[in-house]
Amino acid sequence: MFLASDLITVILIGSGATAVMDVWLLLLKRLGVPTLNFAFIGRWVGHLAHGRFAHVAIGQASPIAGERALGWLVHYAVGMAFAGLLLLIEGRAWASQPSLLPALFVGMATVLFPLLLMQPAMGSGFAARKTATPLKNCLRSLANHSVFGLGLFLAASLYALLSS
């Protein structure tokens, strides 16, 4: 059973890990590597609320009011949910003495969410197979989610240090 303090732990670790991923994505963008437009996540979620799950191409779907803000909100909420999953798997004691491998494993496993659910629903196909460079896109997603896993460990380590 999760307690209020567990929820705060999940929020802090999840948002910290997501911020680490965002710094990584910003670095990639500055290096000229294309990164995800979070407005498209907001657009997809906005269309979900209207009963539409799948799109031929999310970029061509009708824009949703506030889609960029909604996309960022969903991005951070999902990061927190994945942090909660890590604590459910490893137990709440993991947050007091975090170790890298479980965080990295969970982070890497989270790549299944975009590859098997979001990309197909947004029109890119399973594992980005409808894109020009599916393998490259899958590897880029795996790298991004590995950075998220590292972020889970770093955020938990900072949390453990500050709460001791």
Protein backbone atom coordinates (compact mmCIF):
# COMPACT_ATOMS: atom_id res chain seq x y z
CA MET A 1 0.00 0.00 0.00
CA PHE A 2 1.31 3.43 -0.97
CA LEU A 3 1.39 6.14 1.67
CA ALA A 4 1.36 9.92 1.13
CA SER A 5 5.13 9.96 1.67
CA ASP A 6 5.47 7.31 -1.05
CA LEU A 7 3.52 9.53 -3.42
CA ILE A 8 5.87 12.44 -2.71
CA THR A 9 8.84 10.12 -3.31
CA VAL A 10 7.37 8.96 -6.62
CA ILE A 11 6.65 12.55 -7.70
CA LEU A 12 10.17 13.73 -6.87
CA ILE A 13 12.00 10.76 -8.40
CA GLY A 14 9.77 10.63 -11.47
CA SER A 15 9.94 14.33 -12.19
CA GLY A 16 13.69 14.35 -11.55
CA ALA A 17 14.24 11.43 -13.93
CA THR A 18 12.04 13.05 -16.56
CA ALA A 19 14.01 16.29 -16.21
CA VAL A 20 17.26 14.34 -16.77
CA MET A 21 15.74 12.92 -19.94
CA ASP A 22 14.66 16.41 -21.02
CA VAL A 23 18.20 17.76 -20.57
CA TRP A 24 19.40 14.86 -22.75
CA LEU A 25 16.78 15.66 -25.40
CA LEU A 26 17.74 19.35 -25.32
CA LEU A 27 21.39 18.40 -25.85
CA LEU A 28 20.41 16.16 -28.78
CA LYS A 29 18.32 18.95 -30.28
CA ARG A 30 21.23 21.38 -30.04
CA LEU A 31 23.39 18.80 -31.82
CA GLY A 32 20.87 18.69 -34.66
CA VAL A 33 19.29 15.35 -33.75
CA PRO A 34 15.51 15.37 -34.22
CA THR A 35 13.58 14.85 -30.99
CA LEU A 36 9.95 14.34 -30.09
CA ASN A 37 7.57 17.27 -30.34
CA PHE A 38 5.62 17.06 -27.07
CA ALA A 39 2.72 18.89 -28.68
CA PHE A 40 2.06 15.68 -30.63
CA ILE A 41 1.69 13.76 -27.37
CA GLY A 42 -0.81 16.38 -26.23
CA ARG A 43 -2.59 16.15 -29.57
CA TRP A 44 -2.80 12.36 -29.29
CA VAL A 45 -4.09 12.50 -25.70
CA GLY A 46 -6.52 15.26 -26.65
CA HIS A 47 -7.93 13.08 -29.42
CA LEU A 48 -8.12 10.13 -26.98
CA ALA A 49 -10.51 12.22 -24.91
CA HIS A 50 -12.71 12.47 -28.02
CA GLY A 51 -12.64 8.71 -28.65
CA ARG A 52 -9.92 8.63 -31.32
CA PHE A 53 -6.98 6.32 -30.53
CA ALA A 54 -5.17 5.81 -33.84
CA HIS A 55 -4.08 8.28 -36.51
CA VAL A 56 -2.55 7.90 -39.95
CA ALA A 57 -0.13 10.70 -39.01
CA ILE A 58 -0.48 12.62 -35.74
CA GLY A 59 1.18 15.67 -37.32
CA GLN A 60 -1.72 15.91 -39.76
CA ALA A 61 -4.44 15.41 -37.15
CA SER A 62 -6.46 18.42 -36.05
CA PRO A 63 -4.61 20.45 -33.42
CA ILE A 64 -5.98 20.42 -29.88
CA ALA A 65 -6.17 23.61 -27.79
CA GLY A 66 -3.29 23.61 -25.31
CA GLU A 67 -1.70 20.50 -26.85
CA ARG A 68 1.89 21.53 -26.06
CA ALA A 69 1.13 22.08 -22.37
CA LEU A 70 -0.94 18.89 -22.27
CA GLY A 71 1.94 16.97 -23.90
CA TRP A 72 4.44 18.18 -21.30
CA LEU A 73 2.00 17.40 -18.48
CA VAL A 74 1.48 13.86 -19.80
CA HIS A 75 5.25 13.44 -20.30
CA TYR A 76 5.92 14.23 -16.63
CA ALA A 77 2.91 12.24 -15.37
CA VAL A 78 4.12 9.17 -17.26
CA GLY A 79 7.63 9.65 -15.83
CA MET A 80 6.12 9.68 -12.35
CA ALA A 81 4.05 6.58 -13.12
CA PHE A 82 7.19 4.75 -14.25
CA ALA A 83 8.95 5.83 -11.04
CA GLY A 84 6.00 4.38 -9.14
CA LEU A 85 6.40 1.15 -11.10
CA LEU A 86 10.06 0.99 -10.09
CA LEU A 87 9.15 1.43 -6.42
CA LEU A 88 6.45 -1.23 -6.70
CA ILE A 89 8.97 -3.66 -8.20
CA GLU A 90 11.89 -2.86 -5.91
CA GLY A 91 10.02 -1.78 -2.78
CA ARG A 92 10.02 1.59 -1.06
CA ALA A 93 13.40 0.85 0.56
CA TRP A 94 15.01 1.19 -2.89
CA ALA A 95 14.46 4.97 -2.72
CA SER A 96 16.59 5.10 0.44
CA GLN A 97 19.42 3.05 -1.06
CA PRO A 98 19.01 3.22 -4.83
CA SER A 99 21.03 0.98 -7.12
CA LEU A 100 21.66 1.58 -10.80
CA LEU A 101 20.65 -1.72 -12.42
CA PRO A 102 16.96 -1.79 -11.41
CA ALA A 103 16.54 1.85 -12.45
CA LEU A 104 18.30 1.27 -15.75
CA PHE A 105 16.28 -1.89 -16.40
CA VAL A 106 12.95 -0.14 -15.73
CA GLY A 107 14.03 2.84 -17.82
CA MET A 108 14.99 0.62 -20.74
CA ALA A 109 11.79 -1.41 -20.40
CA THR A 110 9.71 1.76 -20.66
CA VAL A 111 10.73 1.98 -24.33
CA LEU A 112 8.05 -0.63 -24.97
CA PHE A 113 5.38 2.00 -24.29
CA PRO A 114 6.27 4.24 -27.26
CA LEU A 115 7.40 1.42 -29.57
CA LEU A 116 4.32 -0.78 -29.11
CA LEU A 117 1.59 1.70 -28.22
CA MET A 118 2.27 5.35 -28.94
CA GLN A 119 4.12 5.12 -32.26
CA PRO A 120 1.52 2.81 -33.83
CA ALA A 121 -1.29 5.03 -32.54
CA MET A 122 0.39 8.16 -33.91
CA GLY A 123 0.90 6.64 -37.35
CA SER A 124 4.55 5.54 -37.20
CA GLY A 125 3.77 1.83 -36.94
CA PHE A 126 5.02 -0.75 -34.46
CA ALA A 127 8.65 -0.03 -33.59
CA ALA A 128 8.61 2.94 -35.99
CA ARG A 129 8.44 0.61 -39.01
CA LYS A 130 6.54 3.19 -41.09
CA THR A 131 9.29 5.78 -40.70
CA ALA A 132 12.22 6.26 -43.08
CA THR A 133 14.73 4.89 -40.54
CA PRO A 134 12.97 2.43 -38.19
CA LEU A 135 16.08 0.87 -36.64
CA LYS A 136 17.69 4.25 -36.04
CA ASN A 137 14.46 5.54 -34.46
CA CYS A 138 14.15 2.47 -32.23
CA LEU A 139 17.76 2.77 -31.09
CA ARG A 140 17.27 6.49 -30.43
CA SER A 141 14.18 5.67 -28.33
CA LEU A 142 16.11 3.02 -26.42
CA ALA A 143 18.91 5.50 -25.74
CA ASN A 144 16.43 8.14 -24.54
CA HIS A 145 14.71 5.68 -22.21
CA SER A 146 18.06 4.43 -20.94
CA VAL A 147 18.85 8.02 -20.02
CA PHE A 148 15.49 8.12 -18.23
CA GLY A 149 16.58 5.00 -16.29
CA LEU A 150 19.84 6.72 -15.36
CA GLY A 151 17.71 9.69 -14.32
CA LEU A 152 15.65 7.44 -12.04
CA PHE A 153 18.86 6.39 -10.30
CA LEU A 154 20.27 9.96 -10.11
CA ALA A 155 16.99 11.44 -8.84
CA ALA A 156 16.63 8.67 -6.24
CA SER A 157 20.24 9.13 -5.16
CA LEU A 158 19.68 12.85 -4.67
CA TYR A 159 16.41 12.13 -2.84
CA ALA A 160 18.16 9.63 -0.55
CA LEU A 161 20.98 12.09 0.14
CA LEU A 162 18.63 14.97 0.95
CA SER A 163 16.23 12.90 3.05
CA SER A 164 18.88 11.26 5.25
